[in-house]
PDB file of all heavy atoms in Angstrom:
ATOM      1  N   ALA A   1      12.715  -3.452  -4.743  1.00  0.00           N
ATOM      2  CA  ALA A   1      13.919  -3.379  -5.684  1.00  0.00           C
ATOM      3  C   ALA A   1      13.835  -4.433  -6.644  1.00  0.00           C
ATOM      4  O   ALA A   1      14.401  -4.326  -7.770  1.00  0.00           O
ATOM      5  CB  ALA A   1      15.207  -3.559  -4.692  1.00  0.00           C
ATOM      6  N   TRP A   2      13.020  -5.576  -6.391  1.00  0.00           N
ATOM      7  CA  TRP A   2      12.935  -6.529  -7.349  1.00  0.00           C
ATOM      8  C   TRP A   2      11.735  -6.467  -8.274  1.00  0.00           C
ATOM      9  O   TRP A   2      11.666  -6.867  -9.412  1.00  0.00           O
ATOM     10  CB  TRP A   2      12.849  -7.953  -6.708  1.00  0.00           C
ATOM     11  CG  TRP A   2      14.044  -8.331  -5.863  1.00  0.00           C
ATOM     12  CD1 TRP A   2      15.380  -8.023  -6.169  1.00  0.00           C
ATOM     13  CD2 TRP A   2      14.066  -9.069  -4.678  1.00  0.00           C
ATOM     14  NE1 TRP A   2      16.117  -8.547  -5.156  1.00  0.00           N
ATOM     15  CE2 TRP A   2      15.393  -9.146  -4.250  1.00  0.00           C
ATOM     16  CE3 TRP A   2      13.094  -9.667  -3.884  1.00  0.00           C
ATOM     17  CZ2 TRP A   2      15.782  -9.878  -3.140  1.00  0.00           C
ATOM     18  CZ3 TRP A   2      13.472 -10.316  -2.796  1.00  0.00           C
ATOM     19  CH2 TRP A   2      14.789 -10.405  -2.365  1.00  0.00           C
ATOM     20  N   LEU A   3      10.623  -5.935  -7.617  1.00  0.00           N
ATOM     21  CA  LEU A   3       9.276  -5.908  -8.254  1.00  0.00           C
ATOM     22  C   LEU A   3       8.758  -4.582  -8.698  1.00  0.00           C
ATOM     23  O   LEU A   3       7.709  -4.417  -9.233  1.00  0.00           O
ATOM     24  CB  LEU A   3       8.333  -6.535  -7.330  1.00  0.00           C
ATOM     25  CG  LEU A   3       8.597  -7.987  -6.935  1.00  0.00           C
ATOM     26  CD1 LEU A   3       7.770  -8.435  -5.754  1.00  0.00           C
ATOM     27  CD2 LEU A   3       8.371  -8.944  -8.143  1.00  0.00           C
ATOM     28  N   GLY A   4       9.479  -3.495  -8.382  1.00  0.00           N
ATOM     29  CA  GLY A   4       9.028  -2.201  -8.704  1.00  0.00           C
ATOM     30  C   GLY A   4       7.741  -1.788  -8.068  1.00  0.00           C
ATOM     31  O   GLY A   4       7.528  -2.178  -6.906  1.00  0.00           O
ATOM     32  N   ASP A   5       6.953  -1.070  -8.789  1.00  0.00           N
ATOM     33  CA  ASP A   5       5.659  -0.499  -8.187  1.00  0.00           C
ATOM     34  C   ASP A   5       4.567  -1.535  -7.851  1.00  0.00           C
ATOM     35  O   ASP A   5       3.516  -1.173  -7.427  1.00  0.00           O
ATOM     36  CB  ASP A   5       5.149   0.683  -8.980  1.00  0.00           C
ATOM     37  CG  ASP A   5       4.769   0.245 -10.407  1.00  0.00           C
ATOM     38  OD1 ASP A   5       4.777  -0.921 -10.745  1.00  0.00           O
ATOM     39  OD2 ASP A   5       4.425   1.201 -11.221  1.00  0.00           O
ATOM     40  N   ARG A   6       4.916  -2.816  -7.998  1.00  0.00           N
ATOM     41  CA  ARG A   6       3.942  -3.823  -7.619  1.00  0.00           C
ATOM     42  C   ARG A   6       3.904  -3.970  -6.185  1.00  0.00           C
ATOM     43  O   ARG A   6       3.076  -4.613  -5.584  1.00  0.00           O
ATOM     44  CB  ARG A   6       4.188  -5.140  -8.318  1.00  0.00           C
ATOM     45  CG  ARG A   6       3.869  -5.159  -9.834  1.00  0.00           C
ATOM     46  CD  ARG A   6       4.286  -6.473 -10.463  1.00  0.00           C
ATOM     47  NE  ARG A   6       5.724  -6.484 -10.582  1.00  0.00           N
ATOM     48  CZ  ARG A   6       6.368  -7.524 -11.184  1.00  0.00           C
ATOM     49  NH1 ARG A   6       5.738  -8.613 -11.586  1.00  0.00           N
ATOM     50  NH2 ARG A   6       7.720  -7.522 -11.307  1.00  0.00           N
ATOM     51  N   VAL A   7       4.791  -3.345  -5.478  1.00  0.00           N
ATOM     52  CA  VAL A   7       4.968  -3.342  -4.060  1.00  0.00           C
ATOM     53  C   VAL A   7       4.704  -1.888  -3.488  1.00  0.00           C
ATOM     54  O   VAL A   7       5.316  -0.985  -4.171  1.00  0.00           O
ATOM     55  CB  VAL A   7       6.318  -3.845  -3.573  1.00  0.00           C
ATOM     56  CG1 VAL A   7       6.543  -3.738  -2.082  1.00  0.00           C
ATOM     57  CG2 VAL A   7       6.444  -5.309  -3.970  1.00  0.00           C
ATOM     58  N   ALA A   8       4.027  -1.828  -2.446  1.00  0.00           N
ATOM     59  CA  ALA A   8       3.696  -0.340  -1.830  1.00  0.00           C
ATOM     60  C   ALA A   8       5.025   0.389  -1.615  1.00  0.00           C
ATOM     61  O   ALA A   8       6.033  -0.221  -1.103  1.00  0.00           O
ATOM     62  CB  ALA A   8       2.941  -0.499  -0.662  1.00  0.00           C
ATOM     63  N   GLU A   9       4.963   1.653  -1.955  1.00  0.00           N
ATOM     64  CA  GLU A   9       6.226   2.448  -1.811  1.00  0.00           C
ATOM     65  C   GLU A   9       6.288   3.062  -0.308  1.00  0.00           C
ATOM     66  O   GLU A   9       5.313   3.566   0.141  1.00  0.00           O
ATOM     67  CB  GLU A   9       6.128   3.610  -2.821  1.00  0.00           C
ATOM     68  CG  GLU A   9       7.363   4.528  -2.677  1.00  0.00           C
ATOM     69  CD  GLU A   9       7.320   5.675  -3.689  1.00  0.00           C
ATOM     70  OE1 GLU A   9       6.289   5.868  -4.321  1.00  0.00           O
ATOM     71  OE2 GLU A   9       8.307   6.430  -3.745  1.00  0.00           O
ATOM     72  N   VAL A  10       7.386   2.977   0.196  1.00  0.00           N
ATOM     73  CA  VAL A  10       7.679   3.586   1.499  1.00  0.00           C
ATOM     74  C   VAL A  10       8.341   4.960   1.236  1.00  0.00           C
ATOM     75  O   VAL A  10       9.301   5.156   0.592  1.00  0.00           O
ATOM     76  CB  VAL A  10       8.704   2.763   2.392  1.00  0.00           C
ATOM     77  CG1 VAL A  10       8.958   3.478   3.719  1.00  0.00           C
ATOM     78  CG2 VAL A  10       8.231   1.305   2.608  1.00  0.00           C
ATOM     79  N   ILE A  11       7.646   6.010   1.858  1.00  0.00           N
ATOM     80  CA  ILE A  11       8.055   7.325   1.585  1.00  0.00           C
ATOM     81  C   ILE A  11       9.063   7.647   2.593  1.00  0.00           C
ATOM     82  O   ILE A  11      10.150   8.326   2.265  1.00  0.00           O
ATOM     83  CB  ILE A  11       6.888   8.382   1.710  1.00  0.00           C
ATOM     84  CG1 ILE A  11       5.785   8.000   0.707  1.00  0.00           C
ATOM     85  CG2 ILE A  11       7.300   9.754   1.530  1.00  0.00           C
ATOM     86  CD1 ILE A  11       6.226   8.031  -0.745  1.00  0.00           C
ATOM     87  N   ALA A  12       8.850   7.338   3.851  1.00  0.00           N
ATOM     88  CA  ALA A  12       9.807   7.627   4.992  1.00  0.00           C
ATOM     89  C   ALA A  12       9.372   6.779   6.105  1.00  0.00           C
ATOM     90  O   ALA A  12       8.254   6.371   6.277  1.00  0.00           O
ATOM     91  CB  ALA A  12       9.821   9.100   5.388  1.00  0.00           C
ATOM     92  N   ALA A  13      10.223   6.511   7.094  1.00  0.00           N
ATOM     93  CA  ALA A  13       9.931   5.787   8.278  1.00  0.00           C
ATOM     94  C   ALA A  13      10.899   6.111   9.403  1.00  0.00           C
ATOM     95  O   ALA A  13      11.980   6.627   9.134  1.00  0.00           O
ATOM     96  CB  ALA A  13      10.118   4.245   7.971  1.00  0.00           C
ATOM     97  N   ASP A  14      10.389   5.970  10.636  1.00  0.00           N
ATOM     98  CA  ASP A  14      11.089   6.146  11.816  1.00  0.00           C
ATOM     99  C   ASP A  14      11.073   4.907  12.652  1.00  0.00           C
ATOM    100  O   ASP A  14      10.064   4.540  13.235  1.00  0.00           O
ATOM    101  CB  ASP A  14      10.544   7.366  12.627  1.00  0.00           C
ATOM    102  CG  ASP A  14      11.354   7.592  13.936  1.00  0.00           C
ATOM    103  OD1 ASP A  14      11.920   6.771  14.511  1.00  0.00           O
ATOM    104  OD2 ASP A  14      11.355   8.887  14.311  1.00  0.00           O
ATOM    105  N   GLU A  15      12.044   4.147  12.596  1.00  0.00           N
ATOM    106  CA  GLU A  15      12.063   2.856  13.257  1.00  0.00           C
ATOM    107  C   GLU A  15      11.877   2.963  14.769  1.00  0.00           C
ATOM    108  O   GLU A  15      11.122   2.140  15.377  1.00  0.00           O
ATOM    109  CB  GLU A  15      13.400   2.107  13.007  1.00  0.00           C
ATOM    110  CG  GLU A  15      13.435   0.707  13.640  1.00  0.00           C
ATOM    111  CD  GLU A  15      14.676  -0.057  13.059  1.00  0.00           C
ATOM    112  OE1 GLU A  15      15.312   0.327  12.113  1.00  0.00           O
ATOM    113  OE2 GLU A  15      15.166  -1.000  13.853  1.00  0.00           O
ATOM    114  N   SER A  16      12.588   3.915  15.395  1.00  0.00           N
ATOM    115  CA  SER A  16      12.388   4.022  16.834  1.00  0.00           C
ATOM    116  C   SER A  16      11.047   4.307  17.291  1.00  0.00           C
ATOM    117  O   SER A  16      10.535   3.952  18.365  1.00  0.00           O
ATOM    118  CB  SER A  16      13.350   5.128  17.415  1.00  0.00           C
ATOM    119  OG  SER A  16      13.046   6.315  16.757  1.00  0.00           O
ATOM    120  N   ALA A  17      10.269   5.114  16.452  1.00  0.00           N
ATOM    121  CA  ALA A  17       8.889   5.476  16.830  1.00  0.00           C
ATOM    122  C   ALA A  17       7.908   4.512  16.336  1.00  0.00           C
ATOM    123  O   ALA A  17       6.766   4.523  16.634  1.00  0.00           O
ATOM    124  CB  ALA A  17       8.633   6.847  16.220  1.00  0.00           C
ATOM    125  N   GLY A  18       8.348   3.534  15.446  1.00  0.00           N
ATOM    126  CA  GLY A  18       7.399   2.527  14.933  1.00  0.00           C
ATOM    127  C   GLY A  18       6.392   3.153  13.983  1.00  0.00           C
ATOM    128  O   GLY A  18       5.281   2.690  13.915  1.00  0.00           O
ATOM    129  N   VAL A  19       6.820   4.152  13.188  1.00  0.00           N
ATOM    130  CA  VAL A  19       5.927   4.897  12.383  1.00  0.00           C
ATOM    131  C   VAL A  19       6.489   4.753  10.906  1.00  0.00           C
ATOM    132  O   VAL A  19       7.695   4.882  10.606  1.00  0.00           O
ATOM    133  CB  VAL A  19       5.813   6.355  12.686  1.00  0.00           C
ATOM    134  CG1 VAL A  19       5.012   7.080  11.686  1.00  0.00           C
ATOM    135  CG2 VAL A  19       5.147   6.418  14.098  1.00  0.00           C
ATOM    136  N   ALA A  20       5.587   4.528   9.967  1.00  0.00           N
ATOM    137  CA  ALA A  20       5.975   4.521   8.550  1.00  0.00           C
ATOM    138  C   ALA A  20       4.925   5.347   7.702  1.00  0.00           C
ATOM    139  O   ALA A  20       3.784   5.383   7.959  1.00  0.00           O
ATOM    140  CB  ALA A  20       5.963   3.098   7.949  1.00  0.00           C
ATOM    141  N   VAL A  21       5.518   6.094   6.757  1.00  0.00           N
ATOM    142  CA  VAL A  21       4.639   6.902   5.799  1.00  0.00           C
ATOM    143  C   VAL A  21       4.716   6.193   4.494  1.00  0.00           C
ATOM    144  O   VAL A  21       5.939   5.964   3.979  1.00  0.00           O
ATOM    145  CB  VAL A  21       5.002   8.330   5.757  1.00  0.00           C
ATOM    146  CG1 VAL A  21       4.299   9.052   4.718  1.00  0.00           C
ATOM    147  CG2 VAL A  21       4.939   9.022   7.040  1.00  0.00           C
ATOM    148  N   LEU A  22       3.621   5.821   3.962  1.00  0.00           N
ATOM    149  CA  LEU A  22       3.569   5.059   2.693  1.00  0.00           C
ATOM    150  C   LEU A  22       2.837   5.907   1.601  1.00  0.00           C
ATOM    151  O   LEU A  22       2.064   6.866   1.899  1.00  0.00           O
ATOM    152  CB  LEU A  22       2.883   3.687   2.874  1.00  0.00           C
ATOM    153  CG  LEU A  22       3.310   2.836   3.975  1.00  0.00           C
ATOM    154  CD1 LEU A  22       2.461   1.662   4.093  1.00  0.00           C
ATOM    155  CD2 LEU A  22       4.730   2.371   3.743  1.00  0.00           C
ATOM    156  N   ALA A  23       3.133   5.426   0.360  1.00  0.00           N
ATOM    157  CA  ALA A  23       2.334   6.149  -0.765  1.00  0.00           C
ATOM    158  C   ALA A  23       0.903   5.894  -0.588  1.00  0.00           C
ATOM    159  O   ALA A  23       0.458   4.913  -0.024  1.00  0.00           O
ATOM    160  CB  ALA A  23       2.780   5.563  -2.105  1.00  0.00           C
ATOM    161  N   TRP A  24       0.006   6.857  -1.034  1.00  0.00           N
ATOM    162  CA  TRP A  24      -1.394   6.778  -0.972  1.00  0.00           C
ATOM    163  C   TRP A  24      -1.872   6.160  -2.300  1.00  0.00           C
ATOM    164  O   TRP A  24      -1.479   6.630  -3.389  1.00  0.00           O
ATOM    165  CB  TRP A  24      -2.029   8.135  -0.774  1.00  0.00           C
ATOM    166  CG  TRP A  24      -3.479   8.130  -0.754  1.00  0.00           C
ATOM    167  CD1 TRP A  24      -4.333   8.598  -1.708  1.00  0.00           C
ATOM    168  CD2 TRP A  24      -4.346   7.642   0.170  1.00  0.00           C
ATOM    169  NE1 TRP A  24      -5.632   8.410  -1.430  1.00  0.00           N
ATOM    170  CE2 TRP A  24      -5.709   7.795  -0.182  1.00  0.00           C
ATOM    171  CE3 TRP A  24      -4.160   7.085   1.515  1.00  0.00           C
ATOM    172  CZ2 TRP A  24      -6.865   7.485   0.573  1.00  0.00           C
ATOM    173  CZ3 TRP A  24      -5.327   6.657   2.203  1.00  0.00           C
ATOM    174  CH2 TRP A  24      -6.566   6.866   1.696  1.00  0.00           C
ATOM    175  N   TYR A  25      -2.784   5.175  -2.224  1.00  0.00           N
ATOM    176  CA  TYR A  25      -3.290   4.517  -3.352  1.00  0.00           C
ATOM    177  C   TYR A  25      -4.794   4.838  -3.368  1.00  0.00           C
ATOM    178  O   TYR A  25      -5.559   4.371  -2.435  1.00  0.00           O
ATOM    179  CB  TYR A  25      -3.071   3.078  -3.377  1.00  0.00           C
ATOM    180  CG  TYR A  25      -1.581   2.757  -3.471  1.00  0.00           C
ATOM    181  CD1 TYR A  25      -0.790   2.462  -2.324  1.00  0.00           C
ATOM    182  CD2 TYR A  25      -0.887   2.877  -4.726  1.00  0.00           C
ATOM    183  CE1 TYR A  25       0.626   2.275  -2.417  1.00  0.00           C
ATOM    184  CE2 TYR A  25       0.429   2.668  -4.844  1.00  0.00           C
ATOM    185  CZ  TYR A  25       1.137   2.399  -3.678  1.00  0.00           C
ATOM    186  OH  TYR A  25       2.573   2.144  -3.805  1.00  0.00           O
ATOM    187  N   ASP A  26      -5.233   5.744  -4.229  1.00  0.00           N
ATOM    188  CA  ASP A  26      -6.625   6.313  -4.247  1.00  0.00           C
ATOM    189  C   ASP A  26      -7.515   5.227  -4.364  1.00  0.00           C
ATOM    190  O   ASP A  26      -7.583   4.424  -5.364  1.00  0.00           O
ATOM    191  CB  ASP A  26      -6.644   7.322  -5.451  1.00  0.00           C
ATOM    192  CG  ASP A  26      -7.968   8.037  -5.443  1.00  0.00           C
ATOM    193  OD1 ASP A  26      -8.936   7.813  -4.726  1.00  0.00           O
ATOM    194  OD2 ASP A  26      -8.073   8.964  -6.293  1.00  0.00           O
ATOM    195  N   PRO A  27      -8.583   5.126  -3.409  1.00  0.00           N
ATOM    196  CA  PRO A  27      -9.685   4.092  -3.470  1.00  0.00           C
ATOM    197  C   PRO A  27     -10.553   4.227  -4.745  1.00  0.00           C
ATOM    198  O   PRO A  27     -11.254   3.304  -5.015  1.00  0.00           O
ATOM    199  CB  PRO A  27     -10.432   4.430  -2.127  1.00  0.00           C
ATOM    200  CG  PRO A  27      -9.530   5.079  -1.264  1.00  0.00           C
ATOM    201  CD  PRO A  27      -8.635   5.909  -2.112  1.00  0.00           C
ATOM    202  N   ALA A  28     -10.461   5.418  -5.386  1.00  0.00           N
ATOM    203  CA  ALA A  28     -11.265   5.498  -6.463  1.00  0.00           C
ATOM    204  C   ALA A  28     -10.687   4.714  -7.755  1.00  0.00           C
ATOM    205  O   ALA A  28     -11.301   4.454  -8.725  1.00  0.00           O
ATOM    206  CB  ALA A  28     -11.391   7.019  -6.944  1.00  0.00           C
ATOM    207  N   VAL A  29      -9.418   4.394  -7.583  1.00  0.00           N
ATOM    208  CA  VAL A  29      -8.652   3.615  -8.600  1.00  0.00           C
ATOM    209  C   VAL A  29      -8.302   2.261  -8.051  1.00  0.00           C
ATOM    210  O   VAL A  29      -8.471   1.242  -8.813  1.00  0.00           O
ATOM    211  CB  VAL A  29      -7.439   4.309  -9.023  1.00  0.00           C
ATOM    212  CG1 VAL A  29      -6.569   3.521 -10.014  1.00  0.00           C
ATOM    213  CG2 VAL A  29      -7.659   5.786  -9.540  1.00  0.00           C
ATOM    214  N   TRP A  30      -7.890   2.111  -6.814  1.00  0.00           N
ATOM    215  CA  TRP A  30      -7.425   0.903  -6.244  1.00  0.00           C
ATOM    216  C   TRP A  30      -8.422   0.281  -5.349  1.00  0.00           C
ATOM    217  O   TRP A  30      -8.875   0.954  -4.459  1.00  0.00           O
ATOM    218  CB  TRP A  30      -6.094   1.057  -5.516  1.00  0.00           C
ATOM    219  CG  TRP A  30      -4.977   1.535  -6.490  1.00  0.00           C
ATOM    220  CD1 TRP A  30      -4.524   2.763  -6.809  1.00  0.00           C
ATOM    221  CD2 TRP A  30      -4.220   0.625  -7.235  1.00  0.00           C
ATOM    222  NE1 TRP A  30      -3.555   2.709  -7.686  1.00  0.00           N
ATOM    223  CE2 TRP A  30      -3.348   1.430  -8.086  1.00  0.00           C
ATOM    224  CE3 TRP A  30      -4.172  -0.721  -7.428  1.00  0.00           C
ATOM    225  CZ2 TRP A  30      -2.354   0.918  -8.871  1.00  0.00           C
ATOM    226  CZ3 TRP A  30      -3.251  -1.281  -8.302  1.00  0.00           C
ATOM    227  CH2 TRP A  30      -2.344  -0.454  -9.010  1.00  0.00           C
ATOM    228  N   ARG A  31      -8.751  -0.983  -5.564  1.00  0.00           N
ATOM    229  CA  ARG A  31      -9.774  -1.678  -4.729  1.00  0.00           C
ATOM    230  C   ARG A  31      -9.066  -2.781  -3.889  1.00  0.00           C
ATOM    231  O   ARG A  31      -8.044  -3.327  -4.368  1.00  0.00           O
ATOM    232  CB  ARG A  31     -10.886  -2.382  -5.608  1.00  0.00           C
ATOM    233  CG  ARG A  31     -11.558  -1.390  -6.482  1.00  0.00           C
ATOM    234  CD  ARG A  31     -12.660  -2.221  -7.250  1.00  0.00           C
ATOM    235  NE  ARG A  31     -12.167  -3.249  -7.989  1.00  0.00           N
ATOM    236  CZ  ARG A  31     -11.585  -3.277  -9.082  1.00  0.00           C
ATOM    237  NH1 ARG A  31     -11.408  -2.096  -9.754  1.00  0.00           N
ATOM    238  NH2 ARG A  31     -11.157  -4.366  -9.753  1.00  0.00           N
ATOM    239  N   ASN A  32      -9.543  -3.009  -2.693  1.00  0.00           N
ATOM    240  CA  ASN A  32      -9.023  -4.064  -1.931  1.00  0.00           C
ATOM    241  C   ASN A  32      -9.400  -5.349  -2.545  1.00  0.00           C
ATOM    242  O   ASN A  32     -10.576  -5.659  -2.808  1.00  0.00           O
ATOM    243  CB  ASN A  32      -9.538  -3.921  -0.449  1.00  0.00           C
ATOM    244  CG  ASN A  32      -8.948  -5.061   0.466  1.00  0.00           C
ATOM    245  OD1 ASN A  32      -9.478  -6.156   0.550  1.00  0.00           O
ATOM    246  ND2 ASN A  32      -7.821  -4.709   1.096  1.00  0.00           N
ATOM    247  N   TRP A  33      -8.443  -6.315  -2.674  1.00  0.00           N
ATOM    248  CA  TRP A  33      -8.700  -7.504  -3.406  1.00  0.00           C
ATOM    249  C   TRP A  33      -9.719  -8.490  -2.603  1.00  0.00           C
ATOM    250  O   TRP A  33     -10.549  -9.126  -3.120  1.00  0.00           O
ATOM    251  CB  TRP A  33      -7.453  -8.360  -3.615  1.00  0.00           C
ATOM    252  CG  TRP A  33      -7.578  -9.497  -4.611  1.00  0.00           C
ATOM    253  CD1 TRP A  33      -8.306  -9.501  -5.739  1.00  0.00           C
ATOM    254  CD2 TRP A  33      -6.893 -10.693  -4.470  1.00  0.00           C
ATOM    255  NE1 TRP A  33      -8.207 -10.727  -6.398  1.00  0.00           N
ATOM    256  CE2 TRP A  33      -7.275 -11.547  -5.631  1.00  0.00           C
ATOM    257  CE3 TRP A  33      -5.970 -11.258  -3.637  1.00  0.00           C
ATOM    258  CZ2 TRP A  33      -6.828 -12.813  -5.791  1.00  0.00           C
ATOM    259  CZ3 TRP A  33      -5.491 -12.595  -3.905  1.00  0.00           C
ATOM    260  CH2 TRP A  33      -5.893 -13.273  -4.969  1.00  0.00           C
ATOM    261  N   LYS A  34      -9.572  -8.526  -1.247  1.00  0.00           N
ATOM    262  CA  LYS A  34     -10.539  -9.268  -0.426  1.00  0.00           C
ATOM    263  C   LYS A  34     -11.963  -8.742  -0.686  1.00  0.00           C
ATOM    264  O   LYS A  34     -12.861  -9.617  -0.898  1.00  0.00           O
ATOM    265  CB  LYS A  34     -10.147  -9.062   1.015  1.00  0.00           C
ATOM    266  CG  LYS A  34     -11.218  -9.676   1.940  1.00  0.00           C
ATOM    267  CD  LYS A  34     -10.884  -9.564   3.507  1.00  0.00           C
ATOM    268  CE  LYS A  34     -11.855  -9.991   4.353  1.00  0.00           C
ATOM    269  NZ  LYS A  34     -11.676  -9.768   5.743  1.00  0.00           N
ATOM    270  N   ALA A  35     -12.187  -7.414  -0.781  1.00  0.00           N
ATOM    271  CA  ALA A  35     -13.459  -6.922  -0.931  1.00  0.00           C
ATOM    272  C   ALA A  35     -14.022  -7.347  -2.306  1.00  0.00           C
ATOM    273  O   ALA A  35     -15.088  -7.674  -2.452  1.00  0.00           O
ATOM    274  CB  ALA A  35     -13.480  -5.381  -0.806  1.00  0.00           C
ATOM    275  N   ASP A  36     -13.102  -7.256  -3.288  1.00  0.00           N
ATOM    276  CA  ASP A  36     -13.455  -7.735  -4.642  1.00  0.00           C
ATOM    277  C   ASP A  36     -13.974  -9.231  -4.687  1.00  0.00           C
ATOM    278  O   ASP A  36     -14.991  -9.533  -5.178  1.00  0.00           O
ATOM    279  CB  ASP A  36     -12.289  -7.626  -5.645  1.00  0.00           C
ATOM    280  CG  ASP A  36     -12.419  -6.360  -6.448  1.00  0.00           C
ATOM    281  OD1 ASP A  36     -13.134  -5.449  -6.060  1.00  0.00           O
ATOM    282  OD2 ASP A  36     -11.683  -6.263  -7.482  1.00  0.00           O
ATOM    283  N   LEU A  37     -13.145 -10.119  -4.029  1.00  0.00           N
ATOM    284  CA  LEU A  37     -13.477 -11.505  -4.004  1.00  0.00           C
ATOM    285  C   LEU A  37     -14.776 -11.827  -3.319  1.00  0.00           C
ATOM    286  O   LEU A  37     -15.656 -12.586  -3.783  1.00  0.00           O
ATOM    287  CB  LEU A  37     -12.350 -12.341  -3.358  1.00  0.00           C
ATOM    288  CG  LEU A  37     -10.999 -12.242  -4.112  1.00  0.00           C
ATOM    289  CD1 LEU A  37      -9.998 -13.055  -3.303  1.00  0.00           C
ATOM    290  CD2 LEU A  37     -11.196 -12.826  -5.527  1.00  0.00           C
ATOM    291  N   LEU A  38     -14.991 -11.178  -2.185  1.00  0.00           N
ATOM    292  CA  LEU A  38     -16.299 -11.344  -1.392  1.00  0.00           C
ATOM    293  C   LEU A  38     -17.493 -10.818  -2.156  1.00  0.00           C
ATOM    294  O   LEU A  38     -18.524 -11.206  -1.893  1.00  0.00           O
ATOM    295  CB  LEU A  38     -16.020 -10.797   0.054  1.00  0.00           C
ATOM    296  CG  LEU A  38     -15.192 -11.500   0.902  1.00  0.00           C
ATOM    297  CD1 LEU A  38     -15.093 -10.733   2.302  1.00  0.00           C
ATOM    298  CD2 LEU A  38     -15.590 -12.963   1.200  1.00  0.00           C
ATOM    299  N   ALA A  39     -17.250  -9.755  -3.043  1.00  0.00           N
ATOM    300  CA  ALA A  39     -18.343  -9.182  -3.773  1.00  0.00           C
ATOM    301  C   ALA A  39     -18.613 -10.005  -5.136  1.00  0.00           C
ATOM    302  O   ALA A  39     -19.479  -9.586  -5.863  1.00  0.00           O
ATOM    303  CB  ALA A  39     -18.091  -7.732  -4.033  1.00  0.00           C
ATOM    304  N   GLY A  40     -17.787 -10.957  -5.379  1.00  0.00           N
ATOM    305  CA  GLY A  40     -17.989 -11.821  -6.606  1.00  0.00           C
ATOM    306  C   GLY A  40     -17.224 -11.178  -7.863  1.00  0.00           C
ATOM    307  O   GLY A  40     -17.507 -11.652  -8.919  1.00  0.00           O
TER     308      GLY A  40
END
């Protein structure tokens, strides 16, 4: 609500089941920052 799409989007969730469905961020576009740092 404060940061917009800089935070992962929650599509839906079931608190009692402990399940969340989040937006998919395509690995062809989005890289894990840890992997980037370790790779230089």
